[in-house]
Amino acid sequence: MCRNIRVLSNFEPPATEDEVQAAALQYVRKVSGTTKPSTANQEAFDAAVEAVADATRVLLAELVIKAPPRDRETEAAKARARAAERYGPRPEAQVAP
């Protein structure tokens, strides 16, 4: 899975429209192999992003989940911990004298 596409299911509050659009855009970029389509392909690219976003909205609305909703802050902290384990701790921000 593309690392930039985030899990959108089972969060409180639910995924925003911006999050759905961003995930759709990342998916289409990954599948098409381009981040900026040519002028000739822009219409097809935009239509694909909208189709994926629509499918994502339907999927999120229809999923039946019995687990309690996840908290964004808790999930972000877990992701930071995984990143620190994988890449080492982040260096502290340097303050100019």
C-alpha atoms as a PDB file:
ATOM      1  CA  MET A   1       0.000   0.000   0.000  1.00  0.00           C
ATOM      2  CA  CYS A   2       1.157   3.517  -0.684  1.00  0.00           C
ATOM      3  CA  ARG A   3       2.605   4.977   2.492  1.00  0.00           C
ATOM      4  CA  ASN A   4       0.837   8.302   1.965  1.00  0.00           C
ATOM      5  CA  ILE A   5      -2.623   6.766   1.954  1.00  0.00           C
ATOM      6  CA  ARG A   6      -3.906   6.693   5.504  1.00  0.00           C
ATOM      7  CA  VAL A   7      -6.513   4.452   7.101  1.00  0.00           C
ATOM      8  CA  LEU A   8      -9.792   6.389   7.110  1.00  0.00           C
ATOM      9  CA  SER A   9     -12.103   3.830   8.653  1.00  0.00           C
ATOM     10  CA  ASN A  10     -13.346   3.757  12.239  1.00  0.00           C
ATOM     11  CA  PHE A  11     -12.161   7.140  13.524  1.00  0.00           C
ATOM     12  CA  GLU A  12     -13.952   9.535  15.782  1.00  0.00           C
ATOM     13  CA  PRO A  13     -14.606  12.065  14.367  1.00  0.00           C
ATOM     14  CA  PRO A  14     -15.082  10.392  10.970  1.00  0.00           C
ATOM     15  CA  ALA A  15     -12.775  11.018   8.015  1.00  0.00           C
ATOM     16  CA  THR A  16     -13.166  14.453   6.494  1.00  0.00           C
ATOM     17  CA  GLU A  17     -13.848  15.197   2.846  1.00  0.00           C
ATOM     18  CA  ASP A  18     -10.273  16.515   2.555  1.00  0.00           C
ATOM     19  CA  GLU A  19      -8.894  13.206   3.847  1.00  0.00           C
ATOM     20  CA  VAL A  20     -11.004  11.236   1.368  1.00  0.00           C
ATOM     21  CA  GLN A  21      -9.889  13.467  -1.528  1.00  0.00           C
ATOM     22  CA  ALA A  22      -6.224  13.254  -0.482  1.00  0.00           C
ATOM     23  CA  ALA A  23      -6.370   9.450  -0.326  1.00  0.00           C
ATOM     24  CA  ALA A  24      -8.057   9.297  -3.738  1.00  0.00           C
ATOM     25  CA  LEU A  25      -5.454  11.619  -5.244  1.00  0.00           C
ATOM     26  CA  GLN A  26      -2.580   9.566  -3.830  1.00  0.00           C
ATOM     27  CA  TYR A  27      -4.123   6.352  -5.140  1.00  0.00           C
ATOM     28  CA  VAL A  28      -4.566   7.733  -8.667  1.00  0.00           C
ATOM     29  CA  ARG A  29      -1.043   9.175  -8.608  1.00  0.00           C
ATOM     30  CA  LYS A  30       0.347   5.786  -7.607  1.00  0.00           C
ATOM     31  CA  VAL A  31      -1.623   3.823 -10.188  1.00  0.00           C
ATOM     32  CA  SER A  32      -0.952   6.282 -13.020  1.00  0.00           C
ATOM     33  CA  GLY A  33       2.719   6.679 -12.134  1.00  0.00           C
ATOM     34  CA  THR A  34       2.566  10.459 -12.257  1.00  0.00           C
ATOM     35  CA  THR A  35       2.020  13.244  -9.790  1.00  0.00           C
ATOM     36  CA  LYS A  36       1.120  15.816 -12.426  1.00  0.00           C
ATOM     37  CA  PRO A  37      -0.634  14.546 -15.534  1.00  0.00           C
ATOM     38  CA  SER A  38      -0.106  16.128 -18.923  1.00  0.00           C
ATOM     39  CA  THR A  39      -2.749  18.486 -20.254  1.00  0.00           C
ATOM     40  CA  ALA A  40      -3.982  15.687 -22.516  1.00  0.00           C
ATOM     41  CA  ASN A  41      -4.518  13.412 -19.495  1.00  0.00           C
ATOM     42  CA  GLN A  42      -5.774  15.953 -16.940  1.00  0.00           C
ATOM     43  CA  GLU A  43      -9.467  15.281 -17.542  1.00  0.00           C
ATOM     44  CA  ALA A  44      -9.059  11.498 -17.200  1.00  0.00           C
ATOM     45  CA  PHE A  45      -6.881  11.982 -14.102  1.00  0.00           C
ATOM     46  CA  ASP A  46      -9.436  14.276 -12.417  1.00  0.00           C
ATOM     47  CA  ALA A  47     -12.305  11.921 -13.292  1.00  0.00           C
ATOM     48  CA  ALA A  48     -10.392   9.001 -11.781  1.00  0.00           C
ATOM     49  CA  VAL A  49      -9.720  10.934  -8.562  1.00  0.00           C
ATOM     50  CA  GLU A  50     -13.422  11.763  -8.255  1.00  0.00           C
ATOM     51  CA  ALA A  51     -14.461   8.152  -8.973  1.00  0.00           C
ATOM     52  CA  VAL A  52     -12.070   6.818  -6.330  1.00  0.00           C
ATOM     53  CA  ALA A  53     -13.249   9.435  -3.818  1.00  0.00           C
ATOM     54  CA  ASP A  54     -16.887   8.483  -4.498  1.00  0.00           C
ATOM     55  CA  ALA A  55     -16.099   4.784  -4.032  1.00  0.00           C
ATOM     56  CA  THR A  56     -14.250   5.582  -0.805  1.00  0.00           C
ATOM     57  CA  ARG A  57     -17.203   7.547   0.581  1.00  0.00           C
ATOM     58  CA  VAL A  58     -19.569   4.655  -0.214  1.00  0.00           C
ATOM     59  CA  LEU A  59     -17.213   2.123   1.348  1.00  0.00           C
ATOM     60  CA  LEU A  60     -16.759   4.134   4.549  1.00  0.00           C
ATOM     61  CA  ALA A  61     -20.518   4.668   4.861  1.00  0.00           C
ATOM     62  CA  GLU A  62     -21.337   0.983   4.410  1.00  0.00           C
ATOM     63  CA  LEU A  63     -18.660  -0.670   6.546  1.00  0.00           C
ATOM     64  CA  VAL A  64     -19.949  -2.403   9.659  1.00  0.00           C
ATOM     65  CA  ILE A  65     -17.354  -2.120  12.405  1.00  0.00           C
ATOM     66  CA  LYS A  66     -17.822  -3.548  15.879  1.00  0.00           C
ATOM     67  CA  ALA A  67     -14.556  -2.245  17.347  1.00  0.00           C
ATOM     68  CA  PRO A  68     -14.610   1.026  19.260  1.00  0.00           C
ATOM     69  CA  PRO A  69     -13.598   4.088  17.210  1.00  0.00           C
ATOM     70  CA  ARG A  70      -9.915   4.947  17.113  1.00  0.00           C
ATOM     71  CA  ASP A  71      -8.489   8.238  18.302  1.00  0.00           C
ATOM     72  CA  ARG A  72      -6.383  10.198  15.809  1.00  0.00           C
ATOM     73  CA  GLU A  73      -3.888  11.394  18.411  1.00  0.00           C
ATOM     74  CA  THR A  74      -3.307   7.880  19.745  1.00  0.00           C
ATOM     75  CA  GLU A  75      -2.804   6.520  16.216  1.00  0.00           C
ATOM     76  CA  ALA A  76      -0.421   9.389  15.378  1.00  0.00           C
ATOM     77  CA  ALA A  77       1.623   8.634  18.511  1.00  0.00           C
ATOM     78  CA  LYS A  78       1.830   4.962  17.507  1.00  0.00           C
ATOM     79  CA  ALA A  79       3.004   5.971  14.016  1.00  0.00           C
ATOM     80  CA  ARG A  80       5.699   8.246  15.493  1.00  0.00           C
ATOM     81  CA  ALA A  81       6.872   5.401  17.733  1.00  0.00           C
ATOM     82  CA  ARG A  82       7.077   3.021  14.741  1.00  0.00           C
ATOM     83  CA  ALA A  83       9.007   5.638  12.774  1.00  0.00           C
ATOM     84  CA  ALA A  84      11.434   6.201  15.657  1.00  0.00           C
ATOM     85  CA  GLU A  85      12.025   2.462  15.901  1.00  0.00           C
ATOM     86  CA  ARG A  86      12.526   2.187  12.163  1.00  0.00           C
ATOM     87  CA  TYR A  87      14.587   5.317  11.482  1.00  0.00           C
ATOM     88  CA  GLY A  88      15.868   6.292  14.918  1.00  0.00           C
ATOM     89  CA  PRO A  89      14.712   9.180  17.069  1.00  0.00           C
ATOM     90  CA  ARG A  90      14.153  12.533  15.398  1.00  0.00           C
ATOM     91  CA  PRO A  91      16.863  15.077  16.147  1.00  0.00           C
ATOM     92  CA  GLU A  92      15.697  17.939  18.313  1.00  0.00           C
ATOM     93  CA  ALA A  93      14.945  21.155  16.488  1.00  0.00           C
ATOM     94  CA  GLN A  94      17.946  23.427  16.559  1.00  0.00           C
ATOM     95  CA  VAL A  95      17.306  26.897  17.857  1.00  0.00           C
ATOM     96  CA  ALA A  96      19.367  29.736  16.386  1.00  0.00           C
ATOM     97  CA  PRO A  97      21.283  31.715  19.035  1.00  0.00           C
END
